[in-house]
Amino acid sequence: MTNNDIFKKLRVALKLKDTDIIQILALVEYKVSESELSALFRNEDHPNYKPAGDQILRNFLNGLIIHLRGPREQRAEQPRATPKRN
């Protein structure tokens, strides 16, 4: 199974439109145009087909986490305890 197949299956399972995917990728500051995205979803024998690399799939999955869960809360730094001297 290729990255393109995984991408297609996630798109169908989550009922995402191209604009939704572009917005999800924007959450992780990854920009892609509609035509580039369309090339990823074409059949392999189509002349405009483009294989999806690991980077776009990884960024989509990271953006999907933010989209579904919301942004990660920033934890306040806890002061470190200083060791006691004997």
PDB file of N, CA and C in Angstrom:
ATOM      1  N   MET A   1       0.852  -1.171   0.000  1.00  0.00           N
ATOM      2  CA  MET A   1       0.000   0.000   0.000  1.00  0.00           C
ATOM      3  C   MET A   1       0.900   1.237   0.000  1.00  0.00           C
ATOM      4  N   THR A   2       0.619   2.145  -0.907  1.00  0.00           N
ATOM      5  CA  THR A   2       1.431   3.358  -1.029  1.00  0.00           C
ATOM      6  C   THR A   2       0.895   4.458  -0.115  1.00  0.00           C
ATOM      7  N   ASN A   3       1.688   5.511   0.030  1.00  0.00           N
ATOM      8  CA  ASN A   3       1.243   6.676   0.799  1.00  0.00           C
ATOM      9  C   ASN A   3      -0.007   7.284   0.168  1.00  0.00           C
ATOM     10  N   ASN A   4      -0.078   7.238  -1.163  1.00  0.00           N
ATOM     11  CA  ASN A   4      -1.252   7.772  -1.860  1.00  0.00           C
ATOM     12  C   ASN A   4      -2.502   6.985  -1.468  1.00  0.00           C
ATOM     13  N   ASP A   5      -2.375   5.662  -1.374  1.00  0.00           N
ATOM     14  CA  ASP A   5      -3.513   4.828  -0.985  1.00  0.00           C
ATOM     15  C   ASP A   5      -3.964   5.152   0.439  1.00  0.00           C
ATOM     16  N   ILE A   6      -3.014   5.322   1.339  1.00  0.00           N
ATOM     17  CA  ILE A   6      -3.330   5.663   2.729  1.00  0.00           C
ATOM     18  C   ILE A   6      -4.039   7.010   2.783  1.00  0.00           C
ATOM     19  N   PHE A   7      -3.496   7.962   2.035  1.00  0.00           N
ATOM     20  CA  PHE A   7      -4.073   9.302   1.977  1.00  0.00           C
ATOM     21  C   PHE A   7      -5.517   9.240   1.464  1.00  0.00           C
ATOM     22  N   LYS A   8      -5.736   8.487   0.387  1.00  0.00           N
ATOM     23  CA  LYS A   8      -7.076   8.360  -0.199  1.00  0.00           C
ATOM     24  C   LYS A   8      -8.047   7.728   0.787  1.00  0.00           C
ATOM     25  N   LYS A   9      -7.612   6.674   1.464  1.00  0.00           N
ATOM     26  CA  LYS A   9      -8.493   5.976   2.398  1.00  0.00           C
ATOM     27  C   LYS A   9      -8.857   6.854   3.592  1.00  0.00           C
ATOM     28  N   LEU A  10      -7.896   7.634   4.085  1.00  0.00           N
ATOM     29  CA  LEU A  10      -8.187   8.557   5.180  1.00  0.00           C
ATOM     30  C   LEU A  10      -9.162   9.641   4.729  1.00  0.00           C
ATOM     31  N   ARG A  11      -8.972  10.107   3.529  1.00  0.00           N
ATOM     32  CA  ARG A  11      -9.853  11.147   2.984  1.00  0.00           C
ATOM     33  C   ARG A  11     -11.296  10.653   2.909  1.00  0.00           C
ATOM     34  N   VAL A  12     -11.476   9.431   2.432  1.00  0.00           N
ATOM     35  CA  VAL A  12     -12.823   8.870   2.306  1.00  0.00           C
ATOM     36  C   VAL A  12     -13.404   8.555   3.690  1.00  0.00           C
ATOM     37  N   ALA A  13     -12.609   7.927   4.550  1.00  0.00           N
ATOM     38  CA  ALA A  13     -13.093   7.527   5.873  1.00  0.00           C
ATOM     39  C   ALA A  13     -13.510   8.724   6.718  1.00  0.00           C
ATOM     40  N   LEU A  14     -12.765   9.828   6.600  1.00  0.00           N
ATOM     41  CA  LEU A  14     -13.061  11.014   7.398  1.00  0.00           C
ATOM     42  C   LEU A  14     -13.940  12.018   6.665  1.00  0.00           C
ATOM     43  N   LYS A  15     -14.337  11.674   5.434  1.00  0.00           N
ATOM     44  CA  LYS A  15     -15.196  12.528   4.603  1.00  0.00           C
ATOM     45  C   LYS A  15     -14.627  13.940   4.464  1.00  0.00           C
ATOM     46  N   LEU A  16     -13.350  14.006   4.072  1.00  0.00           N
ATOM     47  CA  LEU A  16     -12.661  15.285   3.939  1.00  0.00           C
ATOM     48  C   LEU A  16     -12.701  15.776   2.500  1.00  0.00           C
ATOM     49  N   LYS A  17     -12.875  17.065   2.346  1.00  0.00           N
ATOM     50  CA  LYS A  17     -12.791  17.711   1.033  1.00  0.00           C
ATOM     51  C   LYS A  17     -11.364  18.221   0.854  1.00  0.00           C
ATOM     52  N   ASP A  18     -11.040  18.619  -0.369  1.00  0.00           N
ATOM     53  CA  ASP A  18      -9.709  19.159  -0.638  1.00  0.00           C
ATOM     54  C   ASP A  18      -9.416  20.365   0.246  1.00  0.00           C
ATOM     55  N   THR A  19     -10.394  21.227   0.415  1.00  0.00           N
ATOM     56  CA  THR A  19     -10.184  22.423   1.246  1.00  0.00           C
ATOM     57  C   THR A  19      -9.932  22.038   2.702  1.00  0.00           C
ATOM     58  N   ASP A  20     -10.584  20.977   3.168  1.00  0.00           N
ATOM     59  CA  ASP A  20     -10.347  20.507   4.535  1.00  0.00           C
ATOM     60  C   ASP A  20      -8.904  20.034   4.692  1.00  0.00           C
ATOM     61  N   ILE A  21      -8.424  19.299   3.714  1.00  0.00           N
ATOM     62  CA  ILE A  21      -7.058  18.770   3.772  1.00  0.00           C
ATOM     63  C   ILE A  21      -6.050  19.911   3.732  1.00  0.00           C
ATOM     64  N   ILE A  22      -6.308  20.911   2.908  1.00  0.00           N
ATOM     65  CA  ILE A  22      -5.410  22.070   2.828  1.00  0.00           C
ATOM     66  C   ILE A  22      -5.372  22.800   4.169  1.00  0.00           C
ATOM     67  N   GLN A  23      -6.526  22.938   4.814  1.00  0.00           N
ATOM     68  CA  GLN A  23      -6.580  23.592   6.131  1.00  0.00           C
ATOM     69  C   GLN A  23      -5.866  22.762   7.189  1.00  0.00           C
ATOM     70  N   ILE A  24      -6.008  21.446   7.124  1.00  0.00           N
ATOM     71  CA  ILE A  24      -5.329  20.570   8.088  1.00  0.00           C
ATOM     72  C   ILE A  24      -3.821  20.679   7.917  1.00  0.00           C
ATOM     73  N   LEU A  25      -3.363  20.699   6.678  1.00  0.00           N
ATOM     74  CA  LEU A  25      -1.926  20.844   6.432  1.00  0.00           C
ATOM     75  C   LEU A  25      -1.428  22.223   6.868  1.00  0.00           C
ATOM     76  N   ALA A  26      -2.272  23.235   6.769  1.00  0.00           N
ATOM     77  CA  ALA A  26      -1.885  24.586   7.192  1.00  0.00           C
ATOM     78  C   ALA A  26      -1.678  24.651   8.710  1.00  0.00           C
ATOM     79  N   LEU A  27      -2.325  23.769   9.455  1.00  0.00           N
ATOM     80  CA  LEU A  27      -2.156  23.751  10.913  1.00  0.00           C
ATOM     81  C   LEU A  27      -0.719  23.433  11.320  1.00  0.00           C
ATOM     82  N   VAL A  28      -0.009  22.711  10.457  1.00  0.00           N
ATOM     83  CA  VAL A  28       1.393  22.390  10.727  1.00  0.00           C
ATOM     84  C   VAL A  28       2.321  23.173   9.798  1.00  0.00           C
ATOM     85  N   GLU A  29       1.774  24.259   9.253  1.00  0.00           N
ATOM     86  CA  GLU A  29       2.521  25.174   8.389  1.00  0.00           C
ATOM     87  C   GLU A  29       3.117  24.480   7.162  1.00  0.00           C
ATOM     88  N   TYR A  30       2.327  23.602   6.563  1.00  0.00           N
ATOM     89  CA  TYR A  30       2.710  22.926   5.325  1.00  0.00           C
ATOM     90  C   TYR A  30       1.736  23.388   4.255  1.00  0.00           C
ATOM     91  N   LYS A  31       2.241  24.081   3.255  1.00  0.00           N
ATOM     92  CA  LYS A  31       1.383  24.650   2.222  1.00  0.00           C
ATOM     93  C   LYS A  31       1.380  23.743   0.999  1.00  0.00           C
ATOM     94  N   VAL A  32       0.182  23.528   0.479  1.00  0.00           N
ATOM     95  CA  VAL A  32       0.002  22.734  -0.733  1.00  0.00           C
ATOM     96  C   VAL A  32      -1.170  23.346  -1.503  1.00  0.00           C
ATOM     97  N   SER A  33      -1.044  23.366  -2.813  1.00  0.00           N
ATOM     98  CA  SER A  33      -2.125  23.929  -3.634  1.00  0.00           C
ATOM     99  C   SER A  33      -3.142  22.836  -3.963  1.00  0.00           C
ATOM    100  N   GLU A  34      -4.300  23.270  -4.442  1.00  0.00           N
ATOM    101  CA  GLU A  34      -5.345  22.309  -4.815  1.00  0.00           C
ATOM    102  C   GLU A  34      -4.897  21.429  -5.979  1.00  0.00           C
ATOM    103  N   SER A  35      -4.136  21.983  -6.904  1.00  0.00           N
ATOM    104  CA  SER A  35      -3.683  21.185  -8.046  1.00  0.00           C
ATOM    105  C   SER A  35      -2.658  20.138  -7.612  1.00  0.00           C
ATOM    106  N   GLU A  36      -1.782  20.492  -6.666  1.00  0.00           N
ATOM    107  CA  GLU A  36      -0.822  19.507  -6.145  1.00  0.00           C
ATOM    108  C   GLU A  36      -1.549  18.393  -5.403  1.00  0.00           C
ATOM    109  N   LEU A  37      -2.552  18.777  -4.642  1.00  0.00           N
ATOM    110  CA  LEU A  37      -3.331  17.806  -3.891  1.00  0.00           C
ATOM    111  C   LEU A  37      -4.107  16.895  -4.843  1.00  0.00           C
ATOM    112  N   SER A  38      -4.652  17.471  -5.891  1.00  0.00           N
ATOM    113  CA  SER A  38      -5.388  16.698  -6.879  1.00  0.00           C
ATOM    114  C   SER A  38      -4.494  15.653  -7.539  1.00  0.00           C
ATOM    115  N   ALA A  39      -3.240  15.995  -7.764  1.00  0.00           N
ATOM    116  CA  ALA A  39      -2.294  15.062  -8.377  1.00  0.00           C
ATOM    117  C   ALA A  39      -2.035  13.852  -7.484  1.00  0.00           C
ATOM    118  N   LEU A  40      -2.138  14.032  -6.188  1.00  0.00           N
ATOM    119  CA  LEU A  40      -1.917  12.921  -5.257  1.00  0.00           C
ATOM    120  C   LEU A  40      -3.059  11.913  -5.289  1.00  0.00           C
ATOM    121  N   PHE A  41      -4.260  12.383  -5.602  1.00  0.00           N
ATOM    122  CA  PHE A  41      -5.435  11.524  -5.574  1.00  0.00           C
ATOM    123  C   PHE A  41      -5.787  10.912  -6.933  1.00  0.00           C
ATOM    124  N   ARG A  42      -4.979  11.159  -7.939  1.00  0.00           N
ATOM    125  CA  ARG A  42      -5.231  10.593  -9.269  1.00  0.00           C
ATOM    126  C   ARG A  42      -4.785   9.128  -9.311  1.00  0.00           C
ATOM    127  N   ASN A  43      -5.238   8.410 -10.341  1.00  0.00           N
ATOM    128  CA  ASN A  43      -4.796   7.031 -10.553  1.00  0.00           C
ATOM    129  C   ASN A  43      -3.333   7.030 -10.977  1.00  0.00           C
ATOM    130  N   GLU A  44      -2.644   5.956 -10.685  1.00  0.00           N
ATOM    131  CA  GLU A  44      -1.213   5.874 -10.991  1.00  0.00           C
ATOM    132  C   GLU A  44      -0.923   5.972 -12.482  1.00  0.00           C
ATOM    133  N   ASP A  45      -1.858   5.577 -13.323  1.00  0.00           N
ATOM    134  CA  ASP A  45      -1.611   5.620 -14.763  1.00  0.00           C
ATOM    135  C   ASP A  45      -1.956   6.966 -15.395  1.00  0.00           C
ATOM    136  N   HIS A  46      -2.448   7.913 -14.607  1.00  0.00           N
ATOM    137  CA  HIS A  46      -2.782   9.246 -15.111  1.00  0.00           C
ATOM    138  C   HIS A  46      -1.491  10.046 -15.312  1.00  0.00           C
ATOM    139  N   PRO A  47      -1.407  10.853 -16.373  1.00  0.00           N
ATOM    140  CA  PRO A  47      -0.171  11.613 -16.626  1.00  0.00           C
ATOM    141  C   PRO A  47       0.161  12.648 -15.540  1.00  0.00           C
ATOM    142  N   ASN A  48      -0.827  13.143 -14.820  1.00  0.00           N
ATOM    143  CA  ASN A  48      -0.572  14.142 -13.779  1.00  0.00           C
ATOM    144  C   ASN A  48      -0.451  13.544 -12.381  1.00  0.00           C
ATOM    145  N   TYR A  49      -0.371  12.215 -12.295  1.00  0.00           N
ATOM    146  CA  TYR A  49      -0.229  11.537 -11.005  1.00  0.00           C
ATOM    147  C   TYR A  49       1.098  11.921 -10.347  1.00  0.00           C
ATOM    148  N   LYS A  50       1.059  12.131  -9.042  1.00  0.00           N
ATOM    149  CA  LYS A  50       2.272  12.443  -8.294  1.00  0.00           C
ATOM    150  C   LYS A  50       2.298  11.551  -7.055  1.00  0.00           C
ATOM    151  N   PRO A  51       3.379  10.813  -6.851  1.00  0.00           N
ATOM    152  CA  PRO A  51       3.443   9.970  -5.645  1.00  0.00           C
ATOM    153  C   PRO A  51       3.561  10.834  -4.388  1.00  0.00           C
ATOM    154  N   ALA A  52       2.843  10.437  -3.356  1.00  0.00           N
ATOM    155  CA  ALA A  52       2.890  11.160  -2.080  1.00  0.00           C
ATOM    156  C   ALA A  52       4.121  10.703  -1.314  1.00  0.00           C
ATOM    157  N   GLY A  53       4.932  11.647  -0.921  1.00  0.00           N
ATOM    158  CA  GLY A  53       6.117  11.328  -0.143  1.00  0.00           C
ATOM    159  C   GLY A  53       5.779  11.166   1.334  1.00  0.00           C
ATOM    160  N   ASP A  54       6.756  10.727   2.073  1.00  0.00           N
ATOM    161  CA  ASP A  54       6.570  10.545   3.508  1.00  0.00           C
ATOM    162  C   ASP A  54       6.292  11.873   4.206  1.00  0.00           C
ATOM    163  N   GLN A  55       6.906  12.936   3.713  1.00  0.00           N
ATOM    164  CA  GLN A  55       6.783  14.239   4.376  1.00  0.00           C
ATOM    165  C   GLN A  55       5.345  14.761   4.363  1.00  0.00           C
ATOM    166  N   ILE A  56       4.671  14.685   3.236  1.00  0.00           N
ATOM    167  CA  ILE A  56       3.306  15.205   3.179  1.00  0.00           C
ATOM    168  C   ILE A  56       2.360  14.348   4.010  1.00  0.00           C
ATOM    169  N   LEU A  57       2.553  13.030   3.995  1.00  0.00           N
ATOM    170  CA  LEU A  57       1.693  12.161   4.800  1.00  0.00           C
ATOM    171  C   LEU A  57       1.935  12.398   6.288  1.00  0.00           C
ATOM    172  N   ARG A  58       3.193  12.530   6.669  1.00  0.00           N
ATOM    173  CA  ARG A  58       3.532  12.797   8.081  1.00  0.00           C
ATOM    174  C   ARG A  58       2.935  14.126   8.538  1.00  0.00           C
ATOM    175  N   ASN A  59       3.062  15.161   7.719  1.00  0.00           N
ATOM    176  CA  ASN A  59       2.502  16.460   8.068  1.00  0.00           C
ATOM    177  C   ASN A  59       0.979  16.420   8.127  1.00  0.00           C
ATOM    178  N   PHE A  60       0.358  15.662   7.219  1.00  0.00           N
ATOM    179  CA  PHE A  60      -1.094  15.533   7.256  1.00  0.00           C
ATOM    180  C   PHE A  60      -1.540  14.849   8.548  1.00  0.00           C
ATOM    181  N   LEU A  61      -0.861  13.788   8.934  1.00  0.00           N
ATOM    182  CA  LEU A  61      -1.234  13.077  10.162  1.00  0.00           C
ATOM    183  C   LEU A  61      -1.031  13.951  11.395  1.00  0.00           C
ATOM    184  N   ASN A  62       0.058  14.707  11.423  1.00  0.00           N
ATOM    185  CA  ASN A  62       0.283  15.624  12.545  1.00  0.00           C
ATOM    186  C   ASN A  62      -0.787  16.721  12.575  1.00  0.00           C
ATOM    187  N   GLY A  63      -1.140  17.241  11.415  1.00  0.00           N
ATOM    188  CA  GLY A  63      -2.193  18.246  11.339  1.00  0.00           C
ATOM    189  C   GLY A  63      -3.548  17.682  11.710  1.00  0.00           C
ATOM    190  N   LEU A  64      -3.784  16.418  11.357  1.00  0.00           N
ATOM    191  CA  LEU A  64      -5.042  15.772  11.688  1.00  0.00           C
ATOM    192  C   LEU A  64      -5.196  15.628  13.205  1.00  0.00           C
ATOM    193  N   ILE A  65      -4.117  15.339  13.887  1.00  0.00           N
ATOM    194  CA  ILE A  65      -4.149  15.260  15.351  1.00  0.00           C
ATOM    195  C   ILE A  65      -4.562  16.602  15.931  1.00  0.00           C
ATOM    196  N   ILE A  66      -3.964  17.668  15.440  1.00  0.00           N
ATOM    197  CA  ILE A  66      -4.308  19.014  15.929  1.00  0.00           C
ATOM    198  C   ILE A  66      -5.754  19.339  15.578  1.00  0.00           C
ATOM    199  N   HIS A  67      -6.178  18.970  14.383  1.00  0.00           N
ATOM    200  CA  HIS A  67      -7.546  19.240  13.929  1.00  0.00           C
ATOM    201  C   HIS A  67      -8.571  18.526  14.812  1.00  0.00           C
ATOM    202  N   LEU A  68      -8.293  17.283  15.177  1.00  0.00           N
ATOM    203  CA  LEU A  68      -9.254  16.495  15.943  1.00  0.00           C
ATOM    204  C   LEU A  68      -9.184  16.751  17.451  1.00  0.00           C
ATOM    205  N   ARG A  69      -7.989  16.932  17.980  1.00  0.00           N
ATOM    206  CA  ARG A  69      -7.817  17.103  19.423  1.00  0.00           C
ATOM    207  C   ARG A  69      -7.713  18.548  19.865  1.00  0.00           C
ATOM    208  N   GLY A  70      -7.285  19.403  18.963  1.00  0.00           N
ATOM    209  CA  GLY A  70      -7.009  20.785  19.326  1.00  0.00           C
ATOM    210  C   GLY A  70      -5.525  20.949  19.581  1.00  0.00           C
ATOM    211  N   PRO A  71      -5.065  22.184  19.669  1.00  0.00           N
ATOM    212  CA  PRO A  71      -3.632  22.416  19.884  1.00  0.00           C
ATOM    213  C   PRO A  71      -3.192  21.921  21.256  1.00  0.00           C
ATOM    214  N   ARG A  72      -1.952  21.526  21.323  1.00  0.00           N
ATOM    215  CA  ARG A  72      -1.385  21.028  22.571  1.00  0.00           C
ATOM    216  C   ARG A  72      -1.252  22.172  23.561  1.00  0.00           C
ATOM    217  N   GLU A  73      -1.648  21.907  24.787  1.00  0.00           N
ATOM    218  CA  GLU A  73      -1.532  22.919  25.830  1.00  0.00           C
ATOM    219  C   GLU A  73      -0.066  23.060  26.224  1.00  0.00           C
ATOM    220  N   GLN A  74       0.336  24.297  26.428  1.00  0.00           N
ATOM    221  CA  GLN A  74       1.703  24.558  26.862  1.00  0.00           C
ATOM    222  C   GLN A  74       1.787  24.320  28.366  1.00  0.00           C
ATOM    223  N   ARG A  75       2.686  23.467  28.746  1.00  0.00           N
ATOM    224  CA  ARG A  75       2.865  23.201  30.169  1.00  0.00           C
ATOM    225  C   ARG A  75       3.818  24.234  30.747  1.00  0.00           C
ATOM    226  N   ALA A  76       3.482  24.688  31.942  1.00  0.00           N
ATOM    227  CA  ALA A  76       4.357  25.642  32.618  1.00  0.00           C
ATOM    228  C   ALA A  76       5.590  24.890  33.121  1.00  0.00           C
ATOM    229  N   GLU A  77       6.733  25.505  32.945  1.00  0.00           N
ATOM    230  CA  GLU A  77       7.962  24.881  33.434  1.00  0.00           C
ATOM    231  C   GLU A  77       7.935  24.844  34.947  1.00  0.00           C
ATOM    232  N   GLN A  78       8.168  23.684  35.484  1.00  0.00           N
ATOM    233  CA  GLN A  78       8.221  23.554  36.929  1.00  0.00           C
ATOM    234  C   GLN A  78       9.663  23.774  37.366  1.00  0.00           C
ATOM    235  N   PRO A  79       9.833  24.564  38.410  1.00  0.00           N
ATOM    236  CA  PRO A  79      11.202  24.786  38.866  1.00  0.00           C
ATOM    237  C   PRO A  79      11.801  23.491  39.377  1.00  0.00           C
ATOM    238  N   ARG A  80      13.050  23.313  39.066  1.00  0.00           N
ATOM    239  CA  ARG A  80      13.745  22.086  39.508  1.00  0.00           C
ATOM    240  C   ARG A  80      14.182  22.276  40.960  1.00  0.00           C
ATOM    241  N   ALA A  81      14.051  21.215  41.675  1.00  0.00           N
ATOM    242  CA  ALA A  81      14.487  21.253  43.071  1.00  0.00           C
ATOM    243  C   ALA A  81      16.010  21.229  43.122  1.00  0.00           C
ATOM    244  N   THR A  82      16.567  22.101  43.933  1.00  0.00           N
ATOM    245  CA  THR A  82      18.019  22.120  44.062  1.00  0.00           C
ATOM    246  C   THR A  82      18.433  21.039  45.058  1.00  0.00           C
ATOM    247  N   PRO A  83      19.456  20.310  44.730  1.00  0.00           N
ATOM    248  CA  PRO A  83      19.880  19.253  45.653  1.00  0.00           C
ATOM    249  C   PRO A  83      20.399  19.838  46.953  1.00  0.00           C
ATOM    250  N   LYS A  84      20.073  19.142  48.025  1.00  0.00           N
ATOM    251  CA  LYS A  84      20.529  19.593  49.357  1.00  0.00           C
ATOM    252  C   LYS A  84      21.956  19.144  49.552  1.00  0.00           C
ATOM    253  N   ARG A  85      22.718  20.049  50.139  1.00  0.00           N
ATOM    254  CA  ARG A  85      24.114  19.725  50.434  1.00  0.00           C
ATOM    255  C   ARG A  85      24.216  19.291  51.875  1.00  0.00           C
ATOM    256  N   ASN A  86      25.016  18.300  52.089  1.00  0.00           N
ATOM    257  CA  ASN A  86      25.203  17.805  53.470  1.00  0.00           C
ATOM    258  C   ASN A  86      26.305  18.525  54.168  1.00  0.00           C
TER     259      ASN A  86
END
